[in-house]
Amino acid sequence: MSSGDRRAPATRRSRSGSGSGGAARLDLRSLYGGGSGERRTLNRSTVGSVDLWSAFKLSFLTGVGLGLAIVAGVTLLWFALSTVGVFDDVNKLVGELAGTDAEQGGGSTLTDLLGLGTVLTFTTVFAVINTLVMTLLGTLLALVYNLMAALVGGLRVDLIED
């Protein structure tokens, strides 16, 4: 191995009190049960910066996926509550408490206020706003990471080659 090569044989980190500072060793055979004697290579890398455009795209797609999941979940929840009859039960309860009969035109019902169209409209608006916020926050956090990595040198990761 040349001195510029960042690859080092993988050994188990241990601190031996034998004087010379306790060299760090990482034995992957004992970590992963590689009793066959095979040698794995540890590649140490540093994430120095994150591309802002990649962070923007990734956070946008995450926001879109989460938004679609929210809209689908709210739709399923609305259909489940409607099928079980929760809206009708609440309408009857409110009618009894108010002393009016909503079925005879005595007032608006919960189903009128929380119809599927109204619920999906508000859910879609929430999902779009959530997507915008997630996109902005993801990009902003990547920028903050880049600034901090410039100060402290980035995030060091150890990758093991099989």
N, C-alpha and C. Protein backbone atom coordinates (compact mmCIF):
# COMPACT_ATOMS: atom_id res chain seq x y z
N MET A 1 0.84 -1.18 0.00
CA MET A 1 0.00 0.00 0.00
C MET A 1 0.88 1.24 0.00
N SER A 2 0.50 2.19 -0.80
CA SER A 2 1.27 3.42 -0.82
C SER A 2 0.83 4.31 0.32
N SER A 3 1.64 5.31 0.61
CA SER A 3 1.30 6.20 1.73
C SER A 3 0.09 7.06 1.42
N GLY A 4 -0.22 7.29 0.13
CA GLY A 4 -1.38 8.10 -0.23
C GLY A 4 -2.67 7.29 -0.27
N ASP A 5 -2.57 5.96 -0.17
CA ASP A 5 -3.76 5.12 -0.22
C ASP A 5 -4.51 5.21 1.10
N ARG A 6 -5.81 5.43 1.03
CA ARG A 6 -6.60 5.59 2.24
C ARG A 6 -7.12 4.26 2.76
N ARG A 7 -6.81 3.19 2.09
CA ARG A 7 -7.30 1.89 2.51
C ARG A 7 -6.37 1.30 3.56
N ALA A 8 -6.98 0.72 4.55
CA ALA A 8 -6.19 0.09 5.59
C ALA A 8 -6.82 -1.26 5.89
N PRO A 9 -6.02 -2.25 6.25
CA PRO A 9 -6.63 -3.52 6.62
C PRO A 9 -7.54 -3.32 7.83
N ALA A 10 -8.69 -3.97 7.78
CA ALA A 10 -9.67 -3.81 8.84
C ALA A 10 -9.25 -4.59 10.07
N THR A 11 -9.22 -3.92 11.18
CA THR A 11 -8.88 -4.55 12.45
C THR A 11 -9.82 -4.05 13.52
N ARG A 12 -9.98 -4.79 14.60
CA ARG A 12 -10.91 -4.41 15.66
C ARG A 12 -10.27 -3.36 16.56
N ARG A 13 -11.03 -2.30 16.85
CA ARG A 13 -10.51 -1.25 17.72
C ARG A 13 -10.40 -1.78 19.14
N SER A 14 -9.20 -1.70 19.65
CA SER A 14 -9.01 -2.12 21.03
C SER A 14 -7.95 -1.23 21.64
N ARG A 15 -8.06 -1.02 22.89
CA ARG A 15 -7.06 -0.21 23.58
C ARG A 15 -6.29 -1.14 24.50
N SER A 16 -5.09 -1.35 24.15
CA SER A 16 -4.26 -2.15 25.04
C SER A 16 -3.43 -1.19 25.86
N GLY A 17 -3.32 -1.47 27.09
CA GLY A 17 -2.56 -0.59 27.96
C GLY A 17 -1.07 -0.87 27.87
N SER A 18 -0.57 -1.31 26.72
CA SER A 18 0.82 -1.72 26.60
C SER A 18 1.75 -0.59 26.21
N GLY A 19 1.41 0.61 26.57
CA GLY A 19 2.39 1.66 26.47
C GLY A 19 2.32 2.54 25.25
N SER A 20 2.41 2.06 24.06
CA SER A 20 2.63 2.89 22.88
C SER A 20 1.35 3.57 22.39
N GLY A 21 0.55 4.06 23.28
CA GLY A 21 -0.63 4.80 22.87
C GLY A 21 -1.79 3.92 22.48
N GLY A 22 -1.64 2.62 22.53
CA GLY A 22 -2.73 1.72 22.20
C GLY A 22 -3.19 1.88 20.77
N ALA A 23 -2.49 1.28 19.84
CA ALA A 23 -2.84 1.41 18.42
C ALA A 23 -4.25 0.90 18.19
N ALA A 24 -4.99 1.64 17.38
CA ALA A 24 -6.37 1.25 17.08
C ALA A 24 -6.36 0.12 16.07
N ARG A 25 -7.03 -0.98 16.41
CA ARG A 25 -7.14 -2.12 15.52
C ARG A 25 -8.59 -2.51 15.39
N LEU A 26 -8.99 -2.95 14.23
CA LEU A 26 -10.37 -3.34 13.99
C LEU A 26 -10.36 -4.71 13.34
N ASP A 27 -10.76 -5.74 14.07
CA ASP A 27 -10.76 -7.10 13.55
C ASP A 27 -12.17 -7.45 13.11
N LEU A 28 -12.41 -7.39 11.80
CA LEU A 28 -13.75 -7.62 11.28
C LEU A 28 -14.14 -9.09 11.31
N ARG A 29 -13.16 -9.98 11.37
CA ARG A 29 -13.51 -11.39 11.46
C ARG A 29 -14.26 -11.68 12.75
N SER A 30 -13.86 -11.03 13.83
CA SER A 30 -14.57 -11.26 15.08
C SER A 30 -15.88 -10.48 15.12
N LEU A 31 -15.95 -9.36 14.40
CA LEU A 31 -17.19 -8.58 14.38
C LEU A 31 -18.28 -9.25 13.57
N TYR A 32 -17.92 -9.81 12.42
CA TYR A 32 -18.92 -10.35 11.50
C TYR A 32 -18.86 -11.86 11.37
N GLY A 33 -18.16 -12.51 12.23
CA GLY A 33 -18.14 -13.96 12.23
C GLY A 33 -17.41 -14.55 11.03
N GLY A 34 -16.49 -13.83 10.48
CA GLY A 34 -15.75 -14.33 9.32
C GLY A 34 -14.65 -15.26 9.76
N GLY A 35 -14.99 -16.39 10.30
CA GLY A 35 -14.01 -17.33 10.81
C GLY A 35 -13.23 -18.03 9.73
N SER A 36 -13.56 -17.80 8.46
CA SER A 36 -12.86 -18.48 7.37
C SER A 36 -11.50 -17.88 7.10
N GLY A 37 -11.13 -16.85 7.83
CA GLY A 37 -9.82 -16.25 7.67
C GLY A 37 -9.77 -15.22 6.57
N GLU A 38 -10.89 -14.89 5.96
CA GLU A 38 -10.87 -13.89 4.89
C GLU A 38 -10.58 -12.51 5.46
N ARG A 39 -9.92 -11.72 4.68
CA ARG A 39 -9.53 -10.38 5.12
C ARG A 39 -10.42 -9.36 4.42
N ARG A 40 -11.01 -8.48 5.18
CA ARG A 40 -11.84 -7.41 4.61
C ARG A 40 -11.08 -6.10 4.69
N THR A 41 -11.40 -5.19 3.80
CA THR A 41 -10.69 -3.92 3.73
C THR A 41 -11.57 -2.80 4.22
N LEU A 42 -11.00 -1.95 5.03
CA LEU A 42 -11.70 -0.80 5.57
C LEU A 42 -11.28 0.42 4.78
N ASN A 43 -12.26 1.11 4.21
CA ASN A 43 -11.98 2.31 3.43
C ASN A 43 -12.52 3.50 4.21
N ARG A 44 -11.65 4.36 4.64
CA ARG A 44 -12.06 5.54 5.41
C ARG A 44 -12.24 6.71 4.46
N SER A 45 -13.41 7.32 4.53
CA SER A 45 -13.72 8.46 3.67
C SER A 45 -14.30 9.57 4.51
N THR A 46 -14.26 10.77 3.97
CA THR A 46 -14.82 11.93 4.64
C THR A 46 -15.81 12.60 3.70
N VAL A 47 -17.01 12.85 4.20
CA VAL A 47 -18.01 13.59 3.43
C VAL A 47 -17.74 15.06 3.70
N GLY A 48 -17.09 15.70 2.76
CA GLY A 48 -16.68 17.09 2.94
C GLY A 48 -17.76 18.08 2.63
N SER A 49 -18.65 17.74 1.69
CA SER A 49 -19.74 18.65 1.36
C SER A 49 -20.86 17.86 0.70
N VAL A 50 -22.04 18.47 0.72
CA VAL A 50 -23.22 17.89 0.10
C VAL A 50 -23.64 18.82 -1.02
N ASP A 51 -23.89 18.26 -2.19
CA ASP A 51 -24.32 19.07 -3.32
C ASP A 51 -25.72 19.61 -3.04
N LEU A 52 -25.87 20.93 -3.12
CA LEU A 52 -27.15 21.56 -2.79
C LEU A 52 -28.26 21.14 -3.76
N TRP A 53 -27.93 20.97 -5.03
CA TRP A 53 -28.94 20.56 -6.00
C TRP A 53 -29.43 19.14 -5.69
N SER A 54 -28.54 18.26 -5.31
CA SER A 54 -28.94 16.89 -4.93
C SER A 54 -29.81 16.91 -3.68
N ALA A 55 -29.44 17.73 -2.71
CA ALA A 55 -30.25 17.84 -1.49
C ALA A 55 -31.62 18.40 -1.81
N PHE A 56 -31.68 19.38 -2.72
CA PHE A 56 -32.96 19.97 -3.13
C PHE A 56 -33.85 18.91 -3.78
N LYS A 57 -33.29 18.14 -4.73
CA LYS A 57 -34.08 17.12 -5.42
C LYS A 57 -34.55 16.04 -4.46
N LEU A 58 -33.66 15.59 -3.60
CA LEU A 58 -34.01 14.52 -2.67
C LEU A 58 -35.08 14.96 -1.68
N SER A 59 -34.94 16.16 -1.13
CA SER A 59 -35.95 16.63 -0.18
C SER A 59 -37.27 16.92 -0.87
N PHE A 60 -37.24 17.39 -2.12
CA PHE A 60 -38.48 17.61 -2.87
C PHE A 60 -39.21 16.30 -3.11
N LEU A 61 -38.49 15.28 -3.57
CA LEU A 61 -39.14 13.99 -3.83
C LEU A 61 -39.63 13.34 -2.54
N THR A 62 -38.91 13.53 -1.45
CA THR A 62 -39.38 13.03 -0.16
C THR A 62 -40.66 13.73 0.25
N GLY A 63 -40.72 15.05 0.05
CA GLY A 63 -41.93 15.81 0.36
C GLY A 63 -43.11 15.39 -0.49
N VAL A 64 -42.87 15.15 -1.78
CA VAL A 64 -43.96 14.71 -2.67
C VAL A 64 -44.46 13.33 -2.23
N GLY A 65 -43.55 12.43 -1.93
CA GLY A 65 -43.97 11.10 -1.47
C GLY A 65 -44.75 11.16 -0.18
N LEU A 66 -44.29 11.97 0.75
CA LEU A 66 -45.01 12.12 2.02
C LEU A 66 -46.37 12.77 1.79
N GLY A 67 -46.43 13.74 0.89
CA GLY A 67 -47.71 14.39 0.58
C GLY A 67 -48.71 13.42 -0.02
N LEU A 68 -48.25 12.58 -0.94
CA LEU A 68 -49.15 11.58 -1.52
C LEU A 68 -49.62 10.59 -0.47
N ALA A 69 -48.73 10.21 0.43
CA ALA A 69 -49.11 9.28 1.49
C ALA A 69 -50.14 9.92 2.43
N ILE A 70 -49.98 11.21 2.72
CA ILE A 70 -50.93 11.90 3.59
C ILE A 70 -52.30 11.98 2.93
N VAL A 71 -52.34 12.34 1.65
CA VAL A 71 -53.62 12.44 0.94
C VAL A 71 -54.29 11.08 0.88
N ALA A 72 -53.54 10.03 0.57
CA ALA A 72 -54.12 8.69 0.52
C ALA A 72 -54.61 8.24 1.89
N GLY A 73 -53.84 8.53 2.93
CA GLY A 73 -54.25 8.15 4.29
C GLY A 73 -55.50 8.86 4.75
N VAL A 74 -55.59 10.16 4.48
CA VAL A 74 -56.78 10.91 4.88
C VAL A 74 -58.00 10.44 4.10
N THR A 75 -57.82 10.12 2.81
CA THR A 75 -58.94 9.61 2.01
C THR A 75 -59.44 8.29 2.57
N LEU A 76 -58.52 7.39 2.87
CA LEU A 76 -58.92 6.10 3.45
C LEU A 76 -59.59 6.28 4.81
N LEU A 77 -59.06 7.19 5.62
CA LEU A 77 -59.65 7.45 6.93
C LEU A 77 -61.06 8.01 6.78
N TRP A 78 -61.27 8.93 5.83
CA TRP A 78 -62.59 9.52 5.63
C TRP A 78 -63.58 8.44 5.20
N PHE A 79 -63.18 7.58 4.24
CA PHE A 79 -64.07 6.51 3.80
C PHE A 79 -64.36 5.53 4.93
N ALA A 80 -63.37 5.22 5.75
CA ALA A 80 -63.59 4.30 6.87
C ALA A 80 -64.57 4.91 7.87
N LEU A 81 -64.39 6.18 8.22
CA LEU A 81 -65.31 6.83 9.16
C LEU A 81 -66.71 6.94 8.59
N SER A 82 -66.81 7.20 7.30
CA SER A 82 -68.12 7.30 6.66
C SER A 82 -68.80 5.94 6.61
N THR A 83 -68.05 4.90 6.30
CA THR A 83 -68.62 3.56 6.22
C THR A 83 -69.09 3.06 7.58
N VAL A 84 -68.34 3.34 8.61
CA VAL A 84 -68.70 2.91 9.96
C VAL A 84 -69.90 3.69 10.48
N GLY A 85 -70.11 4.89 9.96
CA GLY A 85 -71.26 5.69 10.37
C GLY A 85 -70.95 6.71 11.45
N VAL A 86 -69.69 7.07 11.58
CA VAL A 86 -69.30 8.04 12.61
C VAL A 86 -69.94 9.39 12.34
N PHE A 87 -69.98 9.82 11.08
CA PHE A 87 -70.55 11.13 10.76
C PHE A 87 -72.04 11.18 11.11
N ASP A 88 -72.75 10.10 10.82
CA ASP A 88 -74.19 10.06 11.14
C ASP A 88 -74.41 10.09 12.65
N ASP A 89 -73.59 9.35 13.39
CA ASP A 89 -73.72 9.34 14.85
C ASP A 89 -73.44 10.72 15.44
N VAL A 90 -72.43 11.41 14.92
CA VAL A 90 -72.12 12.75 15.42
C VAL A 90 -73.24 13.71 15.06
N ASN A 91 -73.82 13.58 13.85
CA ASN A 91 -74.95 14.43 13.46
C ASN A 91 -76.14 14.24 14.41
N LYS A 92 -76.43 12.99 14.76
CA LYS A 92 -77.54 12.72 15.68
C LYS A 92 -77.25 13.30 17.06
N LEU A 93 -76.02 13.13 17.54
CA LEU A 93 -75.65 13.64 18.85
C LEU A 93 -75.75 15.16 18.91
N VAL A 94 -75.24 15.83 17.90
CA VAL A 94 -75.31 17.30 17.86
C VAL A 94 -76.76 17.75 17.76
N GLY A 95 -77.56 17.04 16.98
CA GLY A 95 -78.98 17.39 16.86
C GLY A 95 -79.71 17.24 18.18
N GLU A 96 -79.40 16.19 18.93
CA GLU A 96 -80.04 15.99 20.23
C GLU A 96 -79.60 17.05 21.24
N LEU A 97 -78.31 17.39 21.22
CA LEU A 97 -77.81 18.39 22.16
C LEU A 97 -78.33 19.79 21.83
N ALA A 98 -78.46 20.10 20.55
CA ALA A 98 -78.92 21.43 20.14
C ALA A 98 -80.44 21.52 20.15
N GLY A 99 -81.11 20.41 20.20
CA GLY A 99 -82.57 20.42 20.20
C GLY A 99 -83.17 20.64 18.83
N THR A 100 -82.38 20.44 17.79
CA THR A 100 -82.89 20.58 16.43
C THR A 100 -82.73 19.26 15.71
N ASP A 101 -83.48 19.11 14.65
CA ASP A 101 -83.38 17.91 13.84
C ASP A 101 -82.71 18.30 12.53
N ALA A 102 -81.44 17.95 12.40
CA ALA A 102 -80.66 18.36 11.23
C ALA A 102 -81.20 17.74 9.96
N GLU A 103 -81.86 16.58 10.07
CA GLU A 103 -82.37 15.92 8.88
C GLU A 103 -83.55 16.66 8.28
N GLN A 104 -84.24 17.49 9.05
CA GLN A 104 -85.40 18.23 8.55
C GLN A 104 -85.03 19.67 8.22
N GLY A 105 -83.79 19.95 7.98
CA GLY A 105 -83.36 21.28 7.58
C GLY A 105 -83.13 22.21 8.75
N GLY A 106 -82.90 21.67 9.92
CA GLY A 106 -82.70 22.50 11.09
C GLY A 106 -81.30 23.07 11.18
N GLY A 107 -80.42 22.76 10.29
CA GLY A 107 -79.05 23.28 10.32
C GLY A 107 -78.15 22.43 9.45
N SER A 108 -76.91 22.83 9.37
CA SER A 108 -75.96 22.07 8.55
C SER A 108 -75.47 20.87 9.35
N THR A 109 -75.12 19.84 8.63
CA THR A 109 -74.65 18.62 9.27
C THR A 109 -73.13 18.53 9.17
N LEU A 110 -72.58 17.62 9.94
CA LEU A 110 -71.14 17.40 9.90
C LEU A 110 -70.70 16.92 8.53
N THR A 111 -71.54 16.14 7.88
CA THR A 111 -71.21 15.64 6.55
C THR A 111 -71.16 16.79 5.54
N ASP A 112 -72.01 17.80 5.73
CA ASP A 112 -71.95 18.97 4.86
C ASP A 112 -70.65 19.75 5.07
N LEU A 113 -70.25 19.87 6.32
CA LEU A 113 -69.03 20.63 6.63
C LEU A 113 -67.76 19.86 6.27
N LEU A 114 -67.78 18.56 6.51
CA LEU A 114 -66.60 17.73 6.28
C LEU A 114 -66.82 16.72 5.16
N GLY A 115 -67.32 17.19 4.04
CA GLY A 115 -67.48 16.31 2.88
C GLY A 115 -66.13 15.90 2.34
N LEU A 116 -66.14 14.89 1.50
CA LEU A 116 -64.88 14.38 0.96
C LEU A 116 -64.14 15.45 0.17
N GLY A 117 -64.86 16.24 -0.60
CA GLY A 117 -64.22 17.30 -1.38
C GLY A 117 -63.53 18.33 -0.52
N THR A 118 -64.19 18.74 0.55
CA THR A 118 -63.61 19.73 1.46
C THR A 118 -62.37 19.18 2.16
N VAL A 119 -62.48 17.96 2.63
CA VAL A 119 -61.36 17.33 3.34
C VAL A 119 -60.17 17.15 2.40
N LEU A 120 -60.42 16.71 1.18
CA LEU A 120 -59.32 16.51 0.24
C LEU A 120 -58.69 17.83 -0.19
N THR A 121 -59.50 18.88 -0.29
CA THR A 121 -58.95 20.19 -0.63
C THR A 121 -57.98 20.67 0.44
N PHE A 122 -58.41 20.61 1.69
CA PHE A 122 -57.52 21.04 2.78
C PHE A 122 -56.30 20.13 2.90
N THR A 123 -56.49 18.85 2.69
CA THR A 123 -55.36 17.92 2.78
C THR A 123 -54.35 18.17 1.67
N THR A 124 -54.83 18.45 0.47
CA THR A 124 -53.93 18.73 -0.65
C THR A 124 -53.16 20.03 -0.43
N VAL A 125 -53.84 21.05 0.07
CA VAL A 125 -53.16 22.31 0.37
C VAL A 125 -52.09 22.08 1.44
N PHE A 126 -52.42 21.31 2.47
CA PHE A 126 -51.45 20.99 3.51
C PHE A 126 -50.26 20.22 2.93
N ALA A 127 -50.52 19.26 2.03
CA ALA A 127 -49.45 18.46 1.44
C ALA A 127 -48.53 19.31 0.57
N VAL A 128 -49.09 20.26 -0.16
CA VAL A 128 -48.27 21.14 -1.00
C VAL A 128 -47.39 22.04 -0.13
N ILE A 129 -47.98 22.61 0.92
CA ILE A 129 -47.20 23.46 1.83
C ILE A 129 -46.12 22.63 2.52
N ASN A 130 -46.46 21.41 2.91
CA ASN A 130 -45.50 20.52 3.55
C ASN A 130 -44.34 20.19 2.59
N THR A 131 -44.64 19.97 1.33
CA THR A 131 -43.60 19.70 0.34
C THR A 131 -42.67 20.89 0.18
N LEU A 132 -43.23 22.09 0.12
CA LEU A 132 -42.40 23.29 0.00
C LEU A 132 -41.50 23.47 1.22
N VAL A 133 -42.07 23.27 2.40
CA VAL A 133 -41.29 23.44 3.63
C VAL A 133 -40.18 22.39 3.71
N MET A 134 -40.50 21.13 3.37
CA MET A 134 -39.48 20.08 3.41
C MET A 134 -38.37 20.35 2.41
N THR A 135 -38.72 20.86 1.24
CA THR A 135 -37.71 21.16 0.23
C THR A 135 -36.78 22.27 0.71
N LEU A 136 -37.36 23.32 1.25
CA LEU A 136 -36.54 24.42 1.75
C LEU A 136 -35.67 24.00 2.93
N LEU A 137 -36.25 23.24 3.86
CA LEU A 137 -35.47 22.80 5.02
C LEU A 137 -34.36 21.83 4.62
N GLY A 138 -34.64 20.92 3.70
CA GLY A 138 -33.60 19.99 3.26
C GLY A 138 -32.43 20.70 2.61
N THR A 139 -32.74 21.69 1.78
CA THR A 139 -31.67 22.46 1.13
C THR A 139 -30.92 23.31 2.15
N LEU A 140 -31.65 23.91 3.06
CA LEU A 140 -31.02 24.74 4.09
C LEU A 140 -30.12 23.90 5.00
N LEU A 141 -30.58 22.71 5.37
CA LEU A 141 -29.75 21.84 6.20
C LEU A 141 -28.49 21.38 5.47
N ALA A 142 -28.59 21.16 4.16
CA ALA A 142 -27.39 20.81 3.39
C ALA A 142 -26.41 21.98 3.37
N LEU A 143 -26.93 23.19 3.26
CA LEU A 143 -26.07 24.37 3.29
C LEU A 143 -25.40 24.52 4.66
N VAL A 144 -26.16 24.30 5.72
CA VAL A 144 -25.60 24.38 7.07
C VAL A 144 -24.54 23.29 7.26
N TYR A 145 -24.80 22.08 6.75
CA TYR A 145 -23.80 21.02 6.84
C TYR A 145 -22.52 21.43 6.12
N ASN A 146 -22.66 21.99 4.92
CA ASN A 146 -21.47 22.41 4.17
C ASN A 146 -20.66 23.45 4.93
N LEU A 147 -21.35 24.39 5.57
CA LEU A 147 -20.64 25.41 6.35
C LEU A 147 -19.93 24.79 7.55
N MET A 148 -20.61 23.87 8.23
CA MET A 148 -19.99 23.23 9.40
C MET A 148 -18.86 22.30 8.98
N ALA A 149 -19.03 21.62 7.85
CA ALA A 149 -17.97 20.73 7.37
C ALA A 149 -16.73 21.51 6.98
N ALA A 150 -16.92 22.73 6.51
CA ALA A 150 -15.77 23.58 6.19
C ALA A 150 -15.00 23.94 7.46
N LEU A 151 -15.70 24.02 8.58
CA LEU A 151 -15.04 24.36 9.84
C LEU A 151 -14.35 23.17 10.49
N VAL A 152 -15.03 22.02 10.51
CA VAL A 152 -14.50 20.88 11.26
C VAL A 152 -13.99 19.75 10.38
N GLY A 153 -14.13 19.86 9.08
CA GLY A 153 -13.55 18.85 8.20
C GLY A 153 -14.51 17.81 7.68
N GLY A 154 -15.75 17.85 8.02
CA GLY A 154 -16.72 16.92 7.46
C GLY A 154 -16.99 15.72 8.35
N LEU A 155 -17.78 14.82 7.81
CA LEU A 155 -18.19 13.62 8.51
C LEU A 155 -17.34 12.45 8.04
N ARG A 156 -16.68 11.79 8.96
CA ARG A 156 -15.80 10.68 8.62
C ARG A 156 -16.58 9.38 8.72
N VAL A 157 -16.52 8.57 7.67
CA VAL A 157 -17.22 7.29 7.64
C VAL A 157 -16.22 6.19 7.30
N ASP A 158 -16.48 5.01 7.83
CA ASP A 158 -15.67 3.84 7.53
C ASP A 158 -16.51 2.89 6.69
N LEU A 159 -16.06 2.60 5.48
CA LEU A 159 -16.77 1.70 4.57
C LEU A 159 -16.00 0.39 4.50
N ILE A 160 -16.73 -0.72 4.61
CA ILE A 160 -16.10 -2.03 4.61
C ILE A 160 -16.35 -2.68 3.26
N GLU A 161 -15.29 -3.10 2.60
CA GLU A 161 -15.41 -3.80 1.33
C GLU A 161 -15.46 -5.29 1.60
N ASP A 162 -16.42 -5.95 0.97
CA ASP A 162 -16.51 -7.41 1.11
C ASP A 162 -15.65 -8.10 0.10
